[in-house]
Amino acid sequence: MSDRCPFRKPDCFAFGIYGRCNACSNTAFNSTECPFYKTNLERQKGHHEAVKRLEETGRYDLIGRYGEEENQPRIWREITDG
């Protein structure tokens, strides 16, 4: 199992230090392109859409955990800091 990114796209939101993937622990995909590749902007947009869906369904408990306010868990800051 390898967490090194074979695709090495520096604009990927999950491309980390030393070429490691911050999203997947196993990057041995049987494809020519990473199925999880997104730019930081695409990841932020998807996250905003997910929070909006949670609001629409009344899942404020999950918004509290995965929202984007400064006092919420670090997951949002990790997404936006890229």
N, C-alpha and C. Protein backbone atom coordinates (compact mmCIF):
# COMPACT_ATOMS: atom_id res chain seq x y z
N MET A 1 0.85 -1.17 0.00
CA MET A 1 0.00 0.00 0.00
C MET A 1 0.90 1.24 0.00
N SER A 2 0.56 2.19 -0.87
CA SER A 2 1.37 3.40 -0.99
C SER A 2 0.49 4.62 -0.90
N ASP A 3 0.96 5.64 -0.16
CA ASP A 3 0.22 6.89 -0.11
C ASP A 3 0.90 7.95 -0.95
N ARG A 4 1.90 7.56 -1.72
CA ARG A 4 2.55 8.51 -2.63
C ARG A 4 1.68 8.66 -3.88
N CYS A 5 1.57 9.88 -4.35
CA CYS A 5 0.71 10.16 -5.50
C CYS A 5 1.46 9.86 -6.80
N PRO A 6 0.98 8.90 -7.59
CA PRO A 6 1.64 8.62 -8.86
C PRO A 6 1.30 9.66 -9.93
N PHE A 7 0.29 10.48 -9.69
CA PHE A 7 -0.16 11.45 -10.69
C PHE A 7 0.53 12.80 -10.51
N ARG A 8 0.95 13.11 -9.30
CA ARG A 8 1.74 14.29 -8.96
C ARG A 8 1.20 15.59 -9.56
N LYS A 9 -0.04 15.88 -9.28
CA LYS A 9 -0.65 17.13 -9.75
C LYS A 9 -0.58 18.15 -8.61
N PRO A 10 0.29 19.11 -8.73
CA PRO A 10 0.50 20.05 -7.61
C PRO A 10 -0.72 20.92 -7.31
N ASP A 11 -1.69 21.01 -8.22
CA ASP A 11 -2.88 21.81 -7.95
C ASP A 11 -3.99 21.01 -7.28
N CYS A 12 -3.75 19.72 -7.01
CA CYS A 12 -4.74 18.89 -6.34
C CYS A 12 -4.84 19.30 -4.86
N PHE A 13 -6.06 19.38 -4.35
CA PHE A 13 -6.27 19.80 -2.97
C PHE A 13 -5.59 18.84 -1.98
N ALA A 14 -5.37 17.61 -2.37
CA ALA A 14 -4.83 16.61 -1.45
C ALA A 14 -3.35 16.33 -1.66
N PHE A 15 -2.73 17.00 -2.61
CA PHE A 15 -1.31 16.75 -2.88
C PHE A 15 -0.48 17.36 -1.78
N GLY A 16 0.20 16.53 -1.04
CA GLY A 16 0.92 16.98 0.15
C GLY A 16 2.42 16.94 0.01
N ILE A 17 3.04 17.17 1.12
CA ILE A 17 4.49 17.22 1.19
C ILE A 17 5.11 15.89 0.78
N TYR A 18 6.22 15.93 0.11
CA TYR A 18 6.94 14.75 -0.36
C TYR A 18 6.12 13.91 -1.33
N GLY A 19 5.13 14.53 -2.00
CA GLY A 19 4.33 13.81 -2.99
C GLY A 19 3.33 12.85 -2.41
N ARG A 20 3.02 13.00 -1.15
CA ARG A 20 2.05 12.12 -0.50
C ARG A 20 0.63 12.65 -0.69
N CYS A 21 -0.31 11.73 -0.76
CA CYS A 21 -1.72 12.09 -0.88
C CYS A 21 -2.30 12.27 0.52
N ASN A 22 -2.94 13.40 0.76
CA ASN A 22 -3.57 13.67 2.04
C ASN A 22 -5.00 13.13 2.12
N ALA A 23 -5.53 12.59 1.03
CA ALA A 23 -6.90 12.10 1.01
C ALA A 23 -6.99 10.58 1.04
N CYS A 24 -6.06 9.90 0.39
CA CYS A 24 -6.13 8.44 0.26
C CYS A 24 -4.90 7.79 0.88
N SER A 25 -5.11 6.71 1.55
CA SER A 25 -3.97 5.98 2.10
C SER A 25 -3.42 4.98 1.09
N ASN A 26 -4.20 4.61 0.09
CA ASN A 26 -3.75 3.70 -0.95
C ASN A 26 -3.97 4.39 -2.30
N THR A 27 -2.92 4.71 -3.00
CA THR A 27 -3.04 5.41 -4.27
C THR A 27 -2.71 4.51 -5.46
N ALA A 28 -2.80 3.22 -5.28
CA ALA A 28 -2.54 2.27 -6.36
C ALA A 28 -3.83 2.06 -7.15
N PHE A 29 -4.22 3.05 -7.94
CA PHE A 29 -5.45 2.98 -8.74
C PHE A 29 -5.16 2.28 -10.06
N ASN A 30 -6.17 1.58 -10.57
CA ASN A 30 -6.04 0.90 -11.86
C ASN A 30 -6.57 1.80 -12.97
N SER A 31 -6.09 3.03 -13.00
CA SER A 31 -6.54 3.96 -14.02
C SER A 31 -5.40 4.91 -14.38
N THR A 32 -5.60 5.64 -15.45
CA THR A 32 -4.57 6.59 -15.86
C THR A 32 -4.73 7.94 -15.18
N GLU A 33 -5.87 8.17 -14.56
CA GLU A 33 -6.13 9.41 -13.83
C GLU A 33 -6.66 9.08 -12.44
N CYS A 34 -6.34 9.91 -11.49
CA CYS A 34 -6.83 9.72 -10.13
C CYS A 34 -8.34 9.98 -10.07
N PRO A 35 -9.11 9.04 -9.54
CA PRO A 35 -10.56 9.24 -9.47
C PRO A 35 -10.98 10.26 -8.42
N PHE A 36 -10.06 10.70 -7.57
CA PHE A 36 -10.39 11.65 -6.51
C PHE A 36 -9.82 13.04 -6.75
N TYR A 37 -9.18 13.25 -7.89
CA TYR A 37 -8.52 14.53 -8.17
C TYR A 37 -9.52 15.68 -8.22
N LYS A 38 -9.22 16.73 -7.46
CA LYS A 38 -9.97 17.99 -7.50
C LYS A 38 -9.01 19.10 -7.15
N THR A 39 -9.23 20.26 -7.76
CA THR A 39 -8.45 21.42 -7.35
C THR A 39 -9.00 21.90 -6.01
N ASN A 40 -8.28 22.77 -5.35
CA ASN A 40 -8.74 23.31 -4.08
C ASN A 40 -10.06 24.05 -4.26
N LEU A 41 -10.20 24.79 -5.35
CA LEU A 41 -11.44 25.52 -5.61
C LEU A 41 -12.62 24.57 -5.82
N GLU A 42 -12.41 23.49 -6.56
CA GLU A 42 -13.47 22.49 -6.75
C GLU A 42 -13.86 21.84 -5.43
N ARG A 43 -12.89 21.57 -4.58
CA ARG A 43 -13.16 20.96 -3.27
C ARG A 43 -13.95 21.90 -2.38
N GLN A 44 -13.58 23.18 -2.39
CA GLN A 44 -14.32 24.17 -1.60
C GLN A 44 -15.76 24.29 -2.08
N LYS A 45 -15.95 24.34 -3.40
CA LYS A 45 -17.29 24.45 -3.96
C LYS A 45 -18.14 23.24 -3.56
N GLY A 46 -17.58 22.05 -3.67
CA GLY A 46 -18.30 20.84 -3.28
C GLY A 46 -18.66 20.84 -1.81
N HIS A 47 -17.75 21.35 -0.98
CA HIS A 47 -18.02 21.41 0.45
C HIS A 47 -19.16 22.39 0.75
N HIS A 48 -19.15 23.54 0.11
CA HIS A 48 -20.24 24.50 0.30
C HIS A 48 -21.58 23.91 -0.12
N GLU A 49 -21.59 23.18 -1.22
CA GLU A 49 -22.82 22.54 -1.69
C GLU A 49 -23.31 21.49 -0.69
N ALA A 50 -22.39 20.75 -0.11
CA ALA A 50 -22.76 19.73 0.88
C ALA A 50 -23.34 20.38 2.13
N VAL A 51 -22.74 21.48 2.60
CA VAL A 51 -23.27 22.19 3.77
C VAL A 51 -24.66 22.74 3.46
N LYS A 52 -24.85 23.23 2.25
CA LYS A 52 -26.17 23.74 1.86
C LYS A 52 -27.22 22.62 1.89
N ARG A 53 -26.86 21.43 1.40
CA ARG A 53 -27.78 20.28 1.44
C ARG A 53 -28.10 19.89 2.88
N LEU A 54 -27.09 19.96 3.74
CA LEU A 54 -27.33 19.64 5.15
C LEU A 54 -28.30 20.64 5.77
N GLU A 55 -28.17 21.91 5.43
CA GLU A 55 -29.11 22.93 5.93
C GLU A 55 -30.53 22.63 5.45
N GLU A 56 -30.66 22.27 4.17
CA GLU A 56 -31.97 21.98 3.60
C GLU A 56 -32.65 20.79 4.27
N THR A 57 -31.86 19.84 4.73
CA THR A 57 -32.42 18.65 5.37
C THR A 57 -32.47 18.77 6.89
N GLY A 58 -32.03 19.90 7.41
CA GLY A 58 -32.10 20.14 8.84
C GLY A 58 -31.04 19.42 9.66
N ARG A 59 -29.97 19.00 9.05
CA ARG A 59 -28.91 18.29 9.77
C ARG A 59 -27.88 19.27 10.34
N TYR A 60 -28.35 20.10 11.25
CA TYR A 60 -27.48 21.12 11.84
C TYR A 60 -26.40 20.49 12.72
N ASP A 61 -26.65 19.28 13.19
CA ASP A 61 -25.61 18.59 13.97
C ASP A 61 -24.38 18.30 13.12
N LEU A 62 -24.60 17.96 11.86
CA LEU A 62 -23.47 17.70 10.97
C LEU A 62 -22.83 18.99 10.48
N ILE A 63 -23.62 20.03 10.31
CA ILE A 63 -23.05 21.32 9.93
C ILE A 63 -22.11 21.80 11.03
N GLY A 64 -22.50 21.58 12.27
CA GLY A 64 -21.64 21.96 13.39
C GLY A 64 -20.30 21.24 13.36
N ARG A 65 -20.30 20.05 12.83
CA ARG A 65 -19.06 19.29 12.77
C ARG A 65 -18.24 19.60 11.52
N TYR A 66 -18.89 19.81 10.40
CA TYR A 66 -18.19 19.97 9.13
C TYR A 66 -18.38 21.34 8.49
N GLY A 67 -18.90 22.28 9.23
CA GLY A 67 -19.11 23.61 8.69
C GLY A 67 -17.82 24.37 8.48
N GLU A 68 -17.94 25.66 8.25
CA GLU A 68 -16.75 26.43 7.91
C GLU A 68 -16.43 27.55 8.90
N GLU A 69 -17.09 27.58 10.01
CA GLU A 69 -16.80 28.62 10.99
C GLU A 69 -15.48 28.36 11.68
N GLU A 70 -14.84 29.42 12.14
CA GLU A 70 -13.52 29.32 12.74
C GLU A 70 -13.51 28.44 13.99
N ASN A 71 -14.61 28.41 14.73
CA ASN A 71 -14.64 27.63 15.97
C ASN A 71 -14.97 26.15 15.74
N GLN A 72 -15.12 25.74 14.49
CA GLN A 72 -15.45 24.35 14.19
C GLN A 72 -14.19 23.54 13.94
N PRO A 73 -14.32 22.24 13.89
CA PRO A 73 -13.14 21.38 13.77
C PRO A 73 -12.23 21.76 12.61
N ARG A 74 -11.05 21.25 12.66
CA ARG A 74 -10.01 21.63 11.73
C ARG A 74 -10.25 21.14 10.31
N ILE A 75 -11.22 20.25 10.10
CA ILE A 75 -11.43 19.71 8.76
C ILE A 75 -11.65 20.81 7.73
N TRP A 76 -12.42 21.84 8.08
CA TRP A 76 -12.65 22.92 7.11
C TRP A 76 -11.37 23.67 6.81
N ARG A 77 -10.58 23.94 7.84
CA ARG A 77 -9.33 24.67 7.62
C ARG A 77 -8.38 23.84 6.76
N GLU A 78 -8.37 22.53 6.93
CA GLU A 78 -7.52 21.68 6.10
C GLU A 78 -7.96 21.74 4.64
N ILE A 79 -9.25 21.80 4.41
CA ILE A 79 -9.76 21.85 3.04
C ILE A 79 -9.40 23.19 2.40
N THR A 80 -9.60 24.28 3.12
CA THR A 80 -9.37 25.59 2.53
C THR A 80 -7.90 25.96 2.46
N ASP A 81 -7.09 25.43 3.35
CA ASP A 81 -5.67 25.76 3.32
C ASP A 81 -4.94 25.01 2.20
N GLY A 82 -5.56 23.92 1.76
CA GLY A 82 -4.99 23.13 0.67
C GLY A 82 -3.66 22.65 1.01
